[in-house]
Full PDB file with SEQRES, HELIX, SHEET, SSBOND, CRYST1, ORIGX, SCALE, CONECT and MASTER records, all heavy atoms in Angstrom:
SEQRES   1 A   36  THR MET THR VAL ALA HIS LEU VAL PHE ALA LEU THR THR          
SEQRES   2 A   36  THR ALA TYR ILE LEU ILE ALA ILE GLN LEU GLU GLU GLY          
SEQRES   3 A   36  ASP LEU VAL ARG ALA LEU GLY THR THR TYR                      
HELIX    1 AA1 VAL A    4  LEU A   32  1                                  29    
HELIX    2 AA2 GLY A   33  THR A   35  5                                   3    
CRYST1    1.000    1.000    1.000  90.00  90.00  90.00 P 1           1          
ORIGX1      1.000000  0.000000  0.000000        0.00000                         
ORIGX2      0.000000  1.000000  0.000000        0.00000                         
ORIGX3      0.000000  0.000000  1.000000        0.00000                         
SCALE1      1.000000  0.000000  0.000000        0.00000                         
SCALE2      0.000000  1.000000  0.000000        0.00000                         
SCALE3      0.000000  0.000000  1.000000        0.00000                         
ATOM      1  N   THR A   1      -0.250  17.148   9.627  1.00  0.00           N  
ATOM      2  CA  THR A   1      -1.031  16.996   8.398  1.00  0.00           C  
ATOM      3  C   THR A   1      -0.361  15.953   7.511  1.00  0.00           C  
ATOM      4  O   THR A   1       0.712  16.186   6.957  1.00  0.00           O  
ATOM      5  CB  THR A   1      -1.144  18.335   7.639  1.00  0.00           C  
ATOM      6  OG1 THR A   1      -1.706  19.330   8.509  1.00  0.00           O  
ATOM      7  CG2 THR A   1      -2.016  18.172   6.409  1.00  0.00           C  
ATOM      8  N   MET A   2      -1.014  14.810   7.406  1.00  0.00           N  
ATOM      9  CA  MET A   2      -0.481  13.723   6.579  1.00  0.00           C  
ATOM     10  C   MET A   2      -1.220  13.706   5.252  1.00  0.00           C  
ATOM     11  O   MET A   2      -2.404  13.371   5.165  1.00  0.00           O  
ATOM     12  CB  MET A   2      -0.655  12.373   7.286  1.00  0.00           C  
ATOM     13  CG  MET A   2      -0.192  11.173   6.463  1.00  0.00           C  
ATOM     14  SD  MET A   2       1.585  11.167   6.101  1.00  0.00           S  
ATOM     15  CE  MET A   2       2.264  10.637   7.685  1.00  0.00           C  
ATOM     16  N   THR A   3      -0.530  14.107   4.204  1.00  0.00           N  
ATOM     17  CA  THR A   3      -1.103  14.070   2.862  1.00  0.00           C  
ATOM     18  C   THR A   3      -0.817  12.723   2.202  1.00  0.00           C  
ATOM     19  O   THR A   3      -0.027  11.911   2.720  1.00  0.00           O  
ATOM     20  CB  THR A   3      -0.509  15.185   1.995  1.00  0.00           C  
ATOM     21  OG1 THR A   3       0.902  14.933   1.835  1.00  0.00           O  
ATOM     22  CG2 THR A   3      -0.719  16.550   2.628  1.00  0.00           C  
ATOM     23  N   VAL A   4      -1.421  12.506   1.054  1.00  0.00           N  
ATOM     24  CA  VAL A   4      -1.164  11.260   0.318  1.00  0.00           C  
ATOM     25  C   VAL A   4       0.302  11.179  -0.099  1.00  0.00           C  
ATOM     26  O   VAL A   4       0.946  10.128   0.028  1.00  0.00           O  
ATOM     27  CB  VAL A   4      -2.084  11.168  -0.916  1.00  0.00           C  
ATOM     28  CG1 VAL A   4      -1.693   9.969  -1.788  1.00  0.00           C  
ATOM     29  CG2 VAL A   4      -3.538  11.039  -0.485  1.00  0.00           C  
ATOM     30  N   ALA A   5       0.859  12.287  -0.585  1.00  0.00           N  
ATOM     31  CA  ALA A   5       2.266  12.288  -0.994  1.00  0.00           C  
ATOM     32  C   ALA A   5       3.176  11.994   0.190  1.00  0.00           C  
ATOM     33  O   ALA A   5       4.139  11.233   0.066  1.00  0.00           O  
ATOM     34  CB  ALA A   5       2.635  13.634  -1.617  1.00  0.00           C  
ATOM     35  N   HIS A   6       2.883  12.598   1.331  1.00  0.00           N  
ATOM     36  CA  HIS A   6       3.693  12.358   2.528  1.00  0.00           C  
ATOM     37  C   HIS A   6       3.565  10.901   2.963  1.00  0.00           C  
ATOM     38  O   HIS A   6       4.552  10.279   3.373  1.00  0.00           O  
ATOM     39  CB  HIS A   6       3.248  13.294   3.651  1.00  0.00           C  
ATOM     40  CG  HIS A   6       4.223  13.408   4.772  1.00  0.00           C  
ATOM     41  ND1 HIS A   6       4.440  14.567   5.471  1.00  0.00           N  
ATOM     42  CD2 HIS A   6       5.070  12.501   5.335  1.00  0.00           C  
ATOM     43  CE1 HIS A   6       5.346  14.381   6.400  1.00  0.00           C  
ATOM     44  NE2 HIS A   6       5.747  13.117   6.342  1.00  0.00           N  
ATOM     45  N   LEU A   7       2.350  10.352   2.868  1.00  0.00           N  
ATOM     46  CA  LEU A   7       2.152   8.952   3.239  1.00  0.00           C  
ATOM     47  C   LEU A   7       2.944   8.024   2.323  1.00  0.00           C  
ATOM     48  O   LEU A   7       3.553   7.052   2.787  1.00  0.00           O  
ATOM     49  CB  LEU A   7       0.664   8.606   3.185  1.00  0.00           C  
ATOM     50  CG  LEU A   7       0.309   7.172   3.588  1.00  0.00           C  
ATOM     51  CD1 LEU A   7       0.658   6.917   5.045  1.00  0.00           C  
ATOM     52  CD2 LEU A   7      -1.181   6.900   3.338  1.00  0.00           C  
ATOM     53  N   VAL A   8       2.935   8.300   1.017  1.00  0.00           N  
ATOM     54  CA  VAL A   8       3.729   7.497   0.078  1.00  0.00           C  
ATOM     55  C   VAL A   8       5.202   7.557   0.462  1.00  0.00           C  
ATOM     56  O   VAL A   8       5.901   6.534   0.488  1.00  0.00           O  
ATOM     57  CB  VAL A   8       3.516   7.991  -1.368  1.00  0.00           C  
ATOM     58  CG1 VAL A   8       4.552   7.376  -2.309  1.00  0.00           C  
ATOM     59  CG2 VAL A   8       2.108   7.654  -1.834  1.00  0.00           C  
ATOM     60  N   PHE A   9       5.681   8.766   0.773  1.00  0.00           N  
ATOM     61  CA  PHE A   9       7.068   8.935   1.188  1.00  0.00           C  
ATOM     62  C   PHE A   9       7.356   8.138   2.459  1.00  0.00           C  
ATOM     63  O   PHE A   9       8.348   7.401   2.540  1.00  0.00           O  
ATOM     64  CB  PHE A   9       7.365  10.412   1.412  1.00  0.00           C  
ATOM     65  CG  PHE A   9       8.786  10.713   1.809  1.00  0.00           C  
ATOM     66  CD1 PHE A   9       9.736  11.007   0.853  1.00  0.00           C  
ATOM     67  CD2 PHE A   9       9.173  10.694   3.143  1.00  0.00           C  
ATOM     68  CE1 PHE A   9      11.050  11.271   1.208  1.00  0.00           C  
ATOM     69  CE2 PHE A   9      10.478  10.962   3.515  1.00  0.00           C  
ATOM     70  CZ  PHE A   9      11.416  11.252   2.540  1.00  0.00           C  
ATOM     71  N   ALA A  10       6.492   8.282   3.476  1.00  0.00           N  
ATOM     72  CA  ALA A  10       6.726   7.626   4.760  1.00  0.00           C  
ATOM     73  C   ALA A  10       6.669   6.102   4.636  1.00  0.00           C  
ATOM     74  O   ALA A  10       7.514   5.389   5.196  1.00  0.00           O  
ATOM     75  CB  ALA A  10       5.705   8.118   5.784  1.00  0.00           C  
ATOM     76  N   LEU A  11       5.680   5.585   3.899  1.00  0.00           N  
ATOM     77  CA  LEU A  11       5.557   4.131   3.744  1.00  0.00           C  
ATOM     78  C   LEU A  11       6.744   3.551   2.973  1.00  0.00           C  
ATOM     79  O   LEU A  11       7.304   2.511   3.360  1.00  0.00           O  
ATOM     80  CB  LEU A  11       4.259   3.798   3.010  1.00  0.00           C  
ATOM     81  CG  LEU A  11       2.963   3.927   3.805  1.00  0.00           C  
ATOM     82  CD1 LEU A  11       1.755   3.745   2.888  1.00  0.00           C  
ATOM     83  CD2 LEU A  11       2.917   2.911   4.946  1.00  0.00           C  
ATOM     84  N   THR A  12       7.121   4.212   1.900  1.00  0.00           N  
ATOM     85  CA  THR A  12       8.212   3.700   1.067  1.00  0.00           C  
ATOM     86  C   THR A  12       9.536   3.744   1.817  1.00  0.00           C  
ATOM     87  O   THR A  12      10.323   2.790   1.767  1.00  0.00           O  
ATOM     88  CB  THR A  12       8.313   4.502  -0.239  1.00  0.00           C  
ATOM     89  OG1 THR A  12       7.049   4.497  -0.892  1.00  0.00           O  
ATOM     90  CG2 THR A  12       9.354   3.885  -1.173  1.00  0.00           C  
ATOM     91  N   THR A  13       9.812   4.854   2.514  1.00  0.00           N  
ATOM     92  CA  THR A  13      11.070   4.952   3.251  1.00  0.00           C  
ATOM     93  C   THR A  13      11.097   3.996   4.445  1.00  0.00           C  
ATOM     94  O   THR A  13      12.158   3.463   4.784  1.00  0.00           O  
ATOM     95  CB  THR A  13      11.320   6.386   3.735  1.00  0.00           C  
ATOM     96  OG1 THR A  13      10.166   6.881   4.431  1.00  0.00           O  
ATOM     97  CG2 THR A  13      11.632   7.303   2.561  1.00  0.00           C  
ATOM     98  N   THR A  14       9.946   3.750   5.060  1.00  0.00           N  
ATOM     99  CA  THR A  14       9.892   2.773   6.152  1.00  0.00           C  
ATOM    100  C   THR A  14      10.227   1.381   5.635  1.00  0.00           C  
ATOM    101  O   THR A  14      11.017   0.640   6.250  1.00  0.00           O  
ATOM    102  CB  THR A  14       8.507   2.776   6.813  1.00  0.00           C  
ATOM    103  OG1 THR A  14       8.245   4.067   7.384  1.00  0.00           O  
ATOM    104  CG2 THR A  14       8.424   1.719   7.912  1.00  0.00           C  
ATOM    105  N   ALA A  15       9.630   1.010   4.502  1.00  0.00           N  
ATOM    106  CA  ALA A  15       9.942  -0.297   3.911  1.00  0.00           C  
ATOM    107  C   ALA A  15      11.418  -0.389   3.564  1.00  0.00           C  
ATOM    108  O   ALA A  15      12.072  -1.424   3.809  1.00  0.00           O  
ATOM    109  CB  ALA A  15       9.078  -0.515   2.667  1.00  0.00           C  
ATOM    110  N   TYR A  16      11.963   0.688   3.000  1.00  0.00           N  
ATOM    111  CA  TYR A  16      13.383   0.693   2.651  1.00  0.00           C  
ATOM    112  C   TYR A  16      14.253   0.528   3.894  1.00  0.00           C  
ATOM    113  O   TYR A  16      15.230  -0.237   3.887  1.00  0.00           O  
ATOM    114  CB  TYR A  16      13.757   1.985   1.932  1.00  0.00           C  
ATOM    115  CG  TYR A  16      15.241   2.192   1.893  1.00  0.00           C  
ATOM    116  CD1 TYR A  16      16.051   1.368   1.114  1.00  0.00           C  
ATOM    117  CD2 TYR A  16      15.865   3.167   2.681  1.00  0.00           C  
ATOM    118  CE1 TYR A  16      17.434   1.523   1.096  1.00  0.00           C  
ATOM    119  CE2 TYR A  16      17.232   3.321   2.671  1.00  0.00           C  
ATOM    120  CZ  TYR A  16      18.009   2.501   1.884  1.00  0.00           C  
ATOM    121  OH  TYR A  16      19.374   2.641   1.890  1.00  0.00           O  
ATOM    122  N   ILE A  17      13.932   1.242   4.965  1.00  0.00           N  
ATOM    123  CA  ILE A  17      14.721   1.157   6.196  1.00  0.00           C  
ATOM    124  C   ILE A  17      14.722  -0.266   6.742  1.00  0.00           C  
ATOM    125  O   ILE A  17      15.769  -0.794   7.149  1.00  0.00           O  
ATOM    126  CB  ILE A  17      14.189   2.156   7.240  1.00  0.00           C  
ATOM    127  CG1 ILE A  17      14.644   3.572   6.878  1.00  0.00           C  
ATOM    128  CG2 ILE A  17      14.661   1.792   8.655  1.00  0.00           C  
ATOM    129  CD1 ILE A  17      14.023   4.662   7.718  1.00  0.00           C  
ATOM    130  N   LEU A  18      13.572  -0.921   6.742  1.00  0.00           N  
ATOM    131  CA  LEU A  18      13.504  -2.289   7.253  1.00  0.00           C  
ATOM    132  C   LEU A  18      14.340  -3.244   6.398  1.00  0.00           C  
ATOM    133  O   LEU A  18      14.986  -4.157   6.928  1.00  0.00           O  
ATOM    134  CB  LEU A  18      12.049  -2.747   7.308  1.00  0.00           C  
ATOM    135  CG  LEU A  18      11.161  -1.979   8.305  1.00  0.00           C  
ATOM    136  CD1 LEU A  18       9.719  -2.461   8.203  1.00  0.00           C  
ATOM    137  CD2 LEU A  18      11.681  -2.131   9.733  1.00  0.00           C  
ATOM    138  N   ILE A  19      14.339  -3.037   5.086  1.00  0.00           N  
ATOM    139  CA  ILE A  19      15.175  -3.861   4.207  1.00  0.00           C  
ATOM    140  C   ILE A  19      16.648  -3.529   4.406  1.00  0.00           C  
ATOM    141  O   ILE A  19      17.497  -4.428   4.488  1.00  0.00           O  
ATOM    142  CB  ILE A  19      14.773  -3.643   2.735  1.00  0.00           C  
ATOM    143  CG1 ILE A  19      13.367  -4.177   2.485  1.00  0.00           C  
ATOM    144  CG2 ILE A  19      15.771  -4.320   1.790  1.00  0.00           C  
ATOM    145  CD1 ILE A  19      12.781  -3.798   1.137  1.00  0.00           C  
ATOM    146  N   ALA A  20      16.965  -2.234   4.509  1.00  0.00           N  
ATOM    147  CA  ALA A  20      18.359  -1.811   4.684  1.00  0.00           C  
ATOM    148  C   ALA A  20      18.951  -2.372   5.964  1.00  0.00           C  
ATOM    149  O   ALA A  20      20.134  -2.738   6.010  1.00  0.00           O  
ATOM    150  CB  ALA A  20      18.446  -0.288   4.682  1.00  0.00           C  
ATOM    151  N   ILE A  21      18.146  -2.436   7.020  1.00  0.00           N  
ATOM    152  CA  ILE A  21      18.637  -2.991   8.279  1.00  0.00           C  
ATOM    153  C   ILE A  21      19.039  -4.448   8.103  1.00  0.00           C  
ATOM    154  O   ILE A  21      20.083  -4.890   8.610  1.00  0.00           O  
ATOM    155  CB  ILE A  21      17.568  -2.845   9.385  1.00  0.00           C  
ATOM    156  CG1 ILE A  21      17.468  -1.388   9.830  1.00  0.00           C  
ATOM    157  CG2 ILE A  21      17.894  -3.741  10.584  1.00  0.00           C  
ATOM    158  CD1 ILE A  21      16.336  -1.110  10.798  1.00  0.00           C  
ATOM    159  N   GLN A  22      18.225  -5.214   7.383  1.00  0.00           N  
ATOM    160  CA  GLN A  22      18.555  -6.615   7.166  1.00  0.00           C  
ATOM    161  C   GLN A  22      19.854  -6.762   6.371  1.00  0.00           C  
ATOM    162  O   GLN A  22      20.707  -7.613   6.687  1.00  0.00           O  
ATOM    163  CB  GLN A  22      17.405  -7.319   6.443  1.00  0.00           C  
ATOM    164  CG  GLN A  22      16.082  -7.264   7.176  1.00  0.00           C  
ATOM    165  CD  GLN A  22      16.176  -7.709   8.620  1.00  0.00           C  
ATOM    166  OE1 GLN A  22      16.723  -8.773   8.914  1.00  0.00           O  
ATOM    167  NE2 GLN A  22      15.653  -6.903   9.524  1.00  0.00           N  
ATOM    168  N   LEU A  23      20.027  -5.928   5.353  1.00  0.00           N  
ATOM    169  CA  LEU A  23      21.258  -5.977   4.561  1.00  0.00           C  
ATOM    170  C   LEU A  23      22.461  -5.587   5.408  1.00  0.00           C  
ATOM    171  O   LEU A  23      23.513  -6.241   5.368  1.00  0.00           O  
ATOM    172  CB  LEU A  23      21.140  -5.040   3.356  1.00  0.00           C  
ATOM    173  CG  LEU A  23      20.106  -5.426   2.297  1.00  0.00           C  
ATOM    174  CD1 LEU A  23      19.977  -4.316   1.264  1.00  0.00           C  
ATOM    175  CD2 LEU A  23      20.488  -6.738   1.619  1.00  0.00           C  
ATOM    176  N   GLU A  24      22.337  -4.513   6.172  1.00  0.00           N  
ATOM    177  CA  GLU A  24      23.444  -4.042   7.000  1.00  0.00           C  
ATOM    178  C   GLU A  24      23.820  -5.068   8.051  1.00  0.00           C  
ATOM    179  O   GLU A  24      25.007  -5.364   8.265  1.00  0.00           O  
ATOM    180  CB  GLU A  24      23.062  -2.719   7.662  1.00  0.00           C  
ATOM    181  CG  GLU A  24      24.135  -2.178   8.601  1.00  0.00           C  
ATOM    182  CD  GLU A  24      23.746  -0.865   9.228  1.00  0.00           C  
ATOM    183  OE1 GLU A  24      22.925  -0.141   8.647  1.00  0.00           O  
ATOM    184  OE2 GLU A  24      24.278  -0.563  10.321  1.00  0.00           O  
ATOM    185  N   GLU A  25      22.807  -5.627   8.718  1.00  0.00           N  
ATOM    186  CA  GLU A  25      23.109  -6.582   9.787  1.00  0.00           C  
ATOM    187  C   GLU A  25      23.663  -7.886   9.222  1.00  0.00           C  
ATOM    188  O   GLU A  25      24.475  -8.546   9.873  1.00  0.00           O  
ATOM    189  CB  GLU A  25      21.869  -6.819  10.637  1.00  0.00           C  
ATOM    190  CG  GLU A  25      21.472  -5.569  11.428  1.00  0.00           C  
ATOM    191  CD  GLU A  25      20.608  -5.868  12.628  1.00  0.00           C  
ATOM    192  OE1 GLU A  25      19.863  -6.870  12.595  1.00  0.00           O  
ATOM    193  OE2 GLU A  25      20.687  -5.098  13.606  1.00  0.00           O  
ATOM    194  N   GLY A  26      23.242  -8.247   8.014  1.00  0.00           N  
ATOM    195  CA  GLY A  26      23.845  -9.416   7.376  1.00  0.00           C  
ATOM    196  C   GLY A  26      25.340  -9.205   7.164  1.00  0.00           C  
ATOM    197  O   GLY A  26      26.153 -10.104   7.413  1.00  0.00           O  
ATOM    198  N   ASP A  27      25.720  -7.997   6.711  1.00  0.00           N  
ATOM    199  CA  ASP A  27      27.137  -7.674   6.525  1.00  0.00           C  
ATOM    200  C   ASP A  27      27.886  -7.720   7.863  1.00  0.00           C  
ATOM    201  O   ASP A  27      29.018  -8.218   7.936  1.00  0.00           O  
ATOM    202  CB  ASP A  27      27.295  -6.279   5.906  1.00  0.00           C  
ATOM    203  CG  ASP A  27      26.807  -6.213   4.471  1.00  0.00           C  
ATOM    204  OD1 ASP A  27      26.754  -7.285   3.814  1.00  0.00           O  
ATOM    205  OD2 ASP A  27      26.474  -5.109   4.010  1.00  0.00           O  
ATOM    206  N   LEU A  28      27.254  -7.197   8.899  1.00  0.00           N  
ATOM    207  CA  LEU A  28      27.910  -7.144  10.210  1.00  0.00           C  
ATOM    208  C   LEU A  28      28.085  -8.538  10.810  1.00  0.00           C  
ATOM    209  O   LEU A  28      29.124  -8.831  11.409  1.00  0.00           O  
ATOM    210  CB  LEU A  28      27.105  -6.248  11.158  1.00  0.00           C  
ATOM    211  CG  LEU A  28      27.179  -4.755  10.847  1.00  0.00           C  
ATOM    212  CD1 LEU A  28      26.094  -3.996  11.598  1.00  0.00           C  
ATOM    213  CD2 LEU A  28      28.552  -4.197  11.196  1.00  0.00           C  
ATOM    214  N   VAL A  29      27.094  -9.382  10.650  1.00  0.00           N  
ATOM    215  CA  VAL A  29      27.218 -10.745  11.165  1.00  0.00           C  
ATOM    216  C   VAL A  29      28.321 -11.498  10.424  1.00  0.00           C  
ATOM    217  O   VAL A  29      29.121 -12.220  11.029  1.00  0.00           O  
ATOM    218  CB  VAL A  29      25.872 -11.489  11.057  1.00  0.00           C  
ATOM    219  CG1 VAL A  29      26.058 -12.982  11.319  1.00  0.00           C  
ATOM    220  CG2 VAL A  29      24.867 -10.904  12.041  1.00  0.00           C  
ATOM    221  N   ARG A  30      28.380 -11.318   9.099  1.00  0.00           N  
ATOM    222  CA  ARG A  30      29.442 -11.979   8.337  1.00  0.00           C  
ATOM    223  C   ARG A  30      30.820 -11.449   8.721  1.00  0.00           C  
ATOM    224  O   ARG A  30      31.795 -12.195   8.729  1.00  0.00           O  
ATOM    225  CB  ARG A  30      29.195 -11.791   6.832  1.00  0.00           C  
ATOM    226  CG  ARG A  30      28.121 -12.690   6.264  1.00  0.00           C  
ATOM    227  CD  ARG A  30      28.047 -12.603   4.753  1.00  0.00           C  
ATOM    228  NE  ARG A  30      27.487 -11.329   4.308  1.00  0.00           N  
ATOM    229  CZ  ARG A  30      26.192 -11.091   4.168  1.00  0.00           C  
ATOM    230  NH1 ARG A  30      25.318 -12.034   4.457  1.00  0.00           N  
ATOM    231  NH2 ARG A  30      25.767  -9.909   3.737  1.00  0.00           N  
ATOM    232  N   ALA A  31      30.898 -10.165   9.037  1.00  0.00           N  
ATOM    233  CA  ALA A  31      32.194  -9.572   9.382  1.00  0.00           C  
ATOM    234  C   ALA A  31      32.604  -9.868  10.821  1.00  0.00           C  
ATOM    235  O   ALA A  31      33.788 -10.069  11.097  1.00  0.00           O  
ATOM    236  CB  ALA A  31      32.147  -8.054   9.160  1.00  0.00           C  
ATOM    237  N   LEU A  32      31.633  -9.904  11.734  1.00  0.00           N  
ATOM    238  CA  LEU A  32      31.963  -9.972  13.162  1.00  0.00           C  
ATOM    239  C   LEU A  32      31.504 -11.244  13.860  1.00  0.00           C  
ATOM    240  O   LEU A  32      31.865 -11.463  15.010  1.00  0.00           O  
ATOM    241  CB  LEU A  32      31.354  -8.760  13.884  1.00  0.00           C  
ATOM    242  CG  LEU A  32      31.762  -7.394  13.330  1.00  0.00           C  
ATOM    243  CD1 LEU A  32      30.900  -6.300  13.931  1.00  0.00           C  
ATOM    244  CD2 LEU A  32      33.232  -7.132  13.586  1.00  0.00           C  
ATOM    245  N   GLY A  33      30.700 -12.046  13.187  1.00  0.00           N  
ATOM    246  CA  GLY A  33      30.278 -13.320  13.750  1.00  0.00           C  
ATOM    247  C   GLY A  33      29.497 -13.169  15.046  1.00  0.00           C  
ATOM    248  O   GLY A  33      28.564 -12.377  15.155  1.00  0.00           O  
ATOM    249  N   THR A  34      29.904 -13.944  16.060  1.00  0.00           N  
ATOM    250  CA  THR A  34      29.169 -13.976  17.323  1.00  0.00           C  
ATOM    251  C   THR A  34      29.216 -12.646  18.065  1.00  0.00           C  
ATOM    252  O   THR A  34      28.360 -12.379  18.903  1.00  0.00           O  
ATOM    253  CB  THR A  34      29.730 -15.078  18.232  1.00  0.00           C  
ATOM    254  OG1 THR A  34      31.144 -14.859  18.426  1.00  0.00           O  
ATOM    255  CG2 THR A  34      29.519 -16.456  17.619  1.00  0.00           C  
ATOM    256  N   THR A  35      30.197 -11.806  17.772  1.00  0.00           N  
ATOM    257  CA  THR A  35      30.287 -10.499  18.428  1.00  0.00           C  
ATOM    258  C   THR A  35      29.038  -9.681  18.159  1.00  0.00           C  
ATOM    259  O   THR A  35      28.384  -9.176  19.071  1.00  0.00           O  
ATOM    260  CB  THR A  35      31.526  -9.735  17.941  1.00  0.00           C  
ATOM    261  OG1 THR A  35      32.688 -10.482  18.281  1.00  0.00           O  
ATOM    262  CG2 THR A  35      31.606  -8.361  18.585  1.00  0.00           C  
ATOM    263  N   TYR A  36      28.682  -9.577  16.871  1.00  0.00           N  
ATOM    264  CA  TYR A  36      27.481  -8.806  16.554  1.00  0.00           C  
ATOM    265  C   TYR A  36      26.215  -9.589  16.888  1.00  0.00           C  
ATOM    266  O   TYR A  36      25.201  -9.006  17.281  1.00  0.00           O  
ATOM    267  CB  TYR A  36      27.470  -8.397  15.083  1.00  0.00           C  
ATOM    268  CG  TYR A  36      26.394  -7.374  14.808  1.00  0.00           C  
ATOM    269  CD1 TYR A  36      26.600  -6.031  15.104  1.00  0.00           C  
ATOM    270  CD2 TYR A  36      25.142  -7.757  14.319  1.00  0.00           C  
ATOM    271  CE1 TYR A  36      25.607  -5.090  14.903  1.00  0.00           C  
ATOM    272  CE2 TYR A  36      24.144  -6.821  14.107  1.00  0.00           C  
ATOM    273  CZ  TYR A  36      24.381  -5.488  14.403  1.00  0.00           C  
ATOM    274  OH  TYR A  36      23.392  -4.555  14.228  1.00  0.00           O  
TER     275      TYR A  36                                                      
MASTER        0    0    0    2    0    0    0    6  274    1    0    3          
END                                                                             
């Protein structure tokens, strides 16, 4: 059962996760270079 509130939660957290991955991987590339 997907309610409007649940959809808002799922969409917002999905967007956050995609942004967080870019931030995290940017840190890892700067720290580890070609390894990561």
